[in-house]
Protein backbone atom coordinates (compact mmCIF):
# COMPACT_ATOMS: atom_id res chain seq x y z
CA UNK A 1 95.89 131.82 153.15
CA UNK A 2 98.23 129.45 154.95
CA UNK A 3 101.73 129.21 155.57
CA UNK A 4 103.72 127.10 157.97
CA UNK A 5 107.41 128.67 159.04
CA UNK A 6 109.49 126.05 160.79
CA UNK A 7 112.63 126.12 162.16
CA UNK A 8 115.31 123.63 163.20
CA UNK A 9 117.08 123.65 165.86
CA UNK A 10 120.32 121.52 164.81
CA UNK A 11 121.12 123.01 161.40
CA UNK A 12 118.37 126.29 161.92
CA UNK A 13 116.58 126.02 158.68
CA UNK A 14 113.48 127.20 157.76
CA UNK A 15 111.09 125.71 155.77
CA UNK A 16 109.39 128.54 153.79
CA UNK A 17 105.94 127.46 152.14
CA UNK A 18 103.68 129.68 149.83
CA UNK A 19 100.74 130.93 150.49
CA UNK A 20 97.15 130.06 148.78
CA UNK A 21 95.57 133.36 147.91
CA UNK A 22 91.66 133.10 146.32
CA UNK A 23 90.77 136.99 146.21
CA UNK A 24 87.66 136.35 143.92
CA UNK A 25 85.51 133.74 145.81
CA UNK A 26 84.46 133.02 149.70
CA UNK A 27 85.81 129.72 149.05
CA UNK A 28 89.20 128.96 150.80
CA UNK A 29 91.95 127.83 148.34
CA UNK A 30 93.07 124.47 148.84
CA UNK A 31 96.88 124.14 150.34
CA UNK A 32 99.25 123.41 147.93
CA UNK A 33 103.11 122.30 148.98
CA UNK A 34 106.77 124.46 147.46
CA UNK A 35 109.15 125.02 150.34
CA UNK A 36 112.34 126.82 150.23
CA UNK A 37 115.25 126.84 152.29
CA UNK A 38 117.10 129.58 154.23
CA UNK A 39 119.99 129.76 156.87
CA UNK A 40 118.17 131.55 159.64
CA UNK A 41 118.91 132.18 163.20
CA UNK A 42 115.90 130.13 165.76
CA UNK A 43 114.61 133.13 167.47
CA UNK A 44 111.15 134.02 169.20
CA UNK A 45 111.56 137.07 168.39
CA UNK A 46 109.30 137.94 165.35
CA UNK A 47 111.74 138.69 163.30
CA UNK A 48 114.32 136.34 161.76
CA UNK A 49 118.47 137.38 161.96
CA UNK A 50 119.28 134.95 158.66
CA UNK A 51 122.46 133.71 158.95
CA UNK A 52 123.37 133.51 155.12
CA UNK A 53 121.49 136.98 154.21
CA UNK A 54 120.35 137.06 151.06
CA UNK A 55 121.56 139.60 148.00
CA UNK A 56 119.18 142.09 147.23
CA UNK A 57 117.56 140.84 143.76
CA UNK A 58 118.64 142.01 140.57
CA UNK A 59 114.98 143.07 139.71
CA UNK A 60 114.27 145.98 137.03
CA UNK A 61 110.72 146.83 136.92
CA UNK A 62 108.54 149.31 136.46
CA UNK A 63 106.63 151.62 139.56
CA UNK A 64 103.37 153.22 139.81
CA UNK A 65 104.25 156.16 137.63
CA UNK A 66 105.49 154.15 134.42
CA UNK A 67 108.65 154.59 134.78
CA UNK A 68 111.84 151.95 135.21
CA UNK A 69 112.70 150.96 138.09
CA UNK A 70 116.63 148.93 139.28
CA UNK A 71 115.76 147.87 142.15
CA UNK A 72 119.54 147.49 143.46
CA UNK A 73 120.39 151.21 142.00
CA UNK A 74 117.57 152.78 143.70
CA UNK A 75 117.15 151.50 147.25
CA UNK A 76 121.31 151.00 147.09
CA UNK A 77 122.58 151.86 150.89
CA UNK A 78 118.98 152.95 152.41
CA UNK A 79 116.92 150.31 154.61
CA UNK A 80 114.70 148.29 152.73
CA UNK A 81 111.82 146.23 153.35
CA UNK A 82 110.71 143.89 150.42
CA UNK A 83 107.46 141.74 150.09
CA UNK A 84 106.13 140.09 146.66
CA UNK A 85 101.80 139.80 147.18
CA UNK A 86 99.16 140.70 145.14
CA UNK A 87 96.56 143.49 145.37
CA UNK A 88 93.42 141.14 144.62
CA UNK A 89 94.54 139.28 147.85
CA UNK A 90 91.75 139.16 150.40
CA UNK A 91 93.48 139.14 153.69
CA UNK A 92 97.57 138.26 154.51
CA UNK A 93 98.48 140.92 151.42
CA UNK A 94 96.38 144.11 152.69
CA UNK A 95 96.92 143.53 156.31
CA UNK A 96 100.55 143.11 155.59
CA UNK A 97 101.12 146.64 153.99
CA UNK A 98 98.84 147.86 156.31
CA UNK A 99 100.94 147.06 159.77
CA UNK A 100 103.87 148.29 158.24
CA UNK A 101 102.64 151.33 157.53
CA UNK A 102 101.37 152.02 161.16
CA UNK A 103 104.82 151.18 162.62
CA UNK A 104 106.18 153.35 160.24
CA UNK A 105 104.30 156.39 161.13
CA UNK A 106 105.70 155.84 164.65
CA UNK A 107 109.57 156.66 163.53
CA UNK A 108 110.84 159.79 163.27
CA UNK A 109 109.92 161.85 160.40
CA UNK A 110 113.86 161.56 158.78
CA UNK A 111 113.69 157.89 159.40
CA UNK A 112 110.50 157.31 157.67
CA UNK A 113 112.18 158.84 154.99
CA UNK A 114 114.80 156.76 155.24
CA UNK A 115 112.93 153.63 155.05
CA UNK A 116 111.61 152.15 151.60
CA UNK A 117 109.08 149.60 151.47
CA UNK A 118 108.25 147.74 147.91
CA UNK A 119 105.68 146.03 146.74
CA UNK A 120 106.15 143.47 144.14
CA UNK A 121 103.32 142.55 142.43
CA UNK A 122 102.79 138.42 142.36
CA UNK A 123 99.98 139.29 139.64
CA UNK A 124 101.06 141.42 137.10
CA UNK A 125 98.69 140.33 134.62
CA UNK A 126 95.84 142.31 136.32
CA UNK A 127 98.47 144.29 138.44
CA UNK A 128 99.33 147.28 136.22
CA UNK A 129 101.18 149.94 137.19
CA UNK A 130 98.15 151.66 137.39
CA UNK A 131 96.26 149.23 139.26
CA UNK A 132 99.11 149.00 142.28
CA UNK A 133 99.36 153.02 142.08
CA UNK A 134 95.54 153.78 143.75
CA UNK A 135 96.14 149.98 145.88
CA UNK A 136 99.42 150.81 148.05
CA UNK A 137 98.01 154.66 149.38
CA UNK A 138 94.59 153.09 150.80
CA UNK A 139 96.26 149.33 151.59
CA UNK A 140 99.78 150.84 153.08
CA UNK A 141 101.14 154.30 152.77
CA UNK A 142 101.44 156.57 149.40
CA UNK A 143 105.21 156.38 150.00
CA UNK A 144 105.54 152.48 149.25
CA UNK A 145 107.10 151.67 145.87
CA UNK A 146 104.79 148.89 143.40
CA UNK A 147 106.42 147.16 141.21
CA UNK A 148 105.04 145.57 138.10
CA UNK A 149 106.38 143.52 134.64
CA UNK A 150 106.65 140.37 133.22
CA UNK A 151 106.03 137.25 135.41
CA UNK A 152 109.26 135.02 134.67
CA UNK A 153 111.22 138.03 136.00
CA UNK A 154 109.26 139.06 138.92
CA UNK A 155 109.78 135.11 139.82
CA UNK A 156 113.29 135.04 139.62
CA UNK A 157 113.74 137.41 141.77
CA UNK A 158 111.73 136.05 144.83
CA UNK A 159 113.59 132.84 144.01
CA UNK A 160 116.98 135.26 144.55
CA UNK A 161 115.06 135.63 148.47
CA UNK A 162 114.54 132.36 148.82
CA UNK A 163 110.82 132.88 148.45
CA UNK A 164 108.80 130.67 145.69
CA UNK A 165 105.58 132.28 143.64
CA UNK A 166 103.59 130.57 141.07
CA UNK A 167 101.52 132.51 138.24
CA UNK A 168 97.95 132.92 139.46
CA UNK A 169 95.42 130.20 138.09
CA UNK A 170 91.64 130.50 137.67
CA UNK A 171 89.62 127.83 139.36
CA UNK A 172 86.48 125.93 138.14
CA UNK A 173 84.21 127.54 140.37
CA UNK A 174 85.61 131.23 138.43
CA UNK A 175 87.91 131.56 141.39
CA UNK A 176 91.78 133.05 141.54
CA UNK A 177 94.46 131.21 143.03
CA UNK A 178 97.22 132.88 143.88
CA UNK A 179 100.34 131.28 145.71
CA UNK A 180 103.47 133.16 146.84
CA UNK A 181 105.97 133.31 150.02
CA UNK A 182 104.63 135.69 152.41
CA UNK A 183 107.63 137.12 154.20
CA UNK A 184 108.81 139.91 154.18
CA UNK A 185 112.83 140.77 153.82
CA UNK A 186 114.15 143.63 155.25
CA UNK A 187 118.20 144.72 153.55
CA UNK A 188 120.47 146.48 155.68
CA UNK A 189 121.24 150.15 154.67
CA UNK A 190 125.07 149.43 155.41
CA UNK A 191 125.33 146.58 153.23
CA UNK A 192 122.37 145.51 151.04
CA UNK A 193 121.65 142.52 151.93
CA UNK A 194 118.73 140.87 153.42
CA UNK A 195 119.52 139.76 157.01
CA UNK A 196 116.31 139.66 158.94
CA UNK A 197 112.76 137.77 157.61
CA UNK A 198 109.53 138.15 159.20
CA UNK A 199 106.55 136.54 158.76
CA UNK A 200 102.90 137.12 157.96
CA UNK A 201 101.61 136.98 161.68
CA UNK A 202 104.43 140.10 162.21
CA UNK A 203 101.97 142.98 164.40
CA UNK A 204 102.42 147.11 163.39
CA UNK A 205 103.48 146.46 167.20
CA UNK A 206 106.18 144.26 166.39
CA UNK A 207 107.22 145.94 163.06
CA UNK A 208 107.57 149.15 165.69
CA UNK A 209 109.48 147.97 167.67
CA UNK A 210 112.38 146.27 165.02
CA UNK A 211 112.08 148.96 162.35
CA UNK A 212 114.07 151.88 164.35
CA UNK A 213 116.84 149.40 164.49
CA UNK A 214 115.97 147.93 160.85
CA UNK A 215 116.64 151.70 159.39
CA UNK A 216 120.36 151.97 161.52
CA UNK A 217 120.87 148.34 159.73
CA UNK A 218 121.18 146.73 163.70
CA UNK A 219 120.08 143.67 164.58
CA UNK A 220 116.44 143.63 165.89
C-alpha cells in the first residue's frame, strides 16, 4: 500500500493520494493516481492541523448491529476519529485501527468512553455489518463503530472529507484491488469539525501523545 502526502510551503496544501490495497493475493497492486486537495498547516508533527476544517460527513449508514447510524447526530459533541478502509486490507487498515486502539487504552477511563472511533468500509459488498462486527474487536477495539451501506453514499461522504475512494475491482489474477485514502481525521467535540489529519505512518505512541488534547478539542 502506498500513499504520498505533500505539503506545499507557500500555499500550504496537502495532496492526499489514494492507497492501493490488494487483500486476496501476494502480489503487490499497482499504484494509481488520484488526488484531493485540502488546506493544511505545514508541520513535522504526526497530526496536521487544518486551516480549513472539514464539515462532518452527512452519512446515514448501518452499524454492526444492523441499526441505522446517523453519523452527525450520533457523534455530535463528541471527540471523533474517522477512517475509511476495508477488512480485507492486508496492512494499513488493521495497523491503523490497532495503533488507535493501543493509544486509546492509555487514556483515563472517562476519556476512553468519550472518544468515538468510526471505521467506514470502502468495500461494502464484502464488509457487511456482521463481518465488520467480527473484525473490529480483533483489529482494534470492541467499542469502535463499524459502518457499512451503499457504496455511492460512502464515497460521497468520503469526498466531503477530501478523501478519495474507488470501488473494489477484481484483477486478472483473481486478487481484489481497493483504492482508498488512508488518512484518519479527528473531529473536535467543541465544533464538530474535522480539524486534524493523520497519515498512515502515524504510530500508536504518536496517537497516544495527541489523544488527550483531541478529547478536549485542542490542537495537538
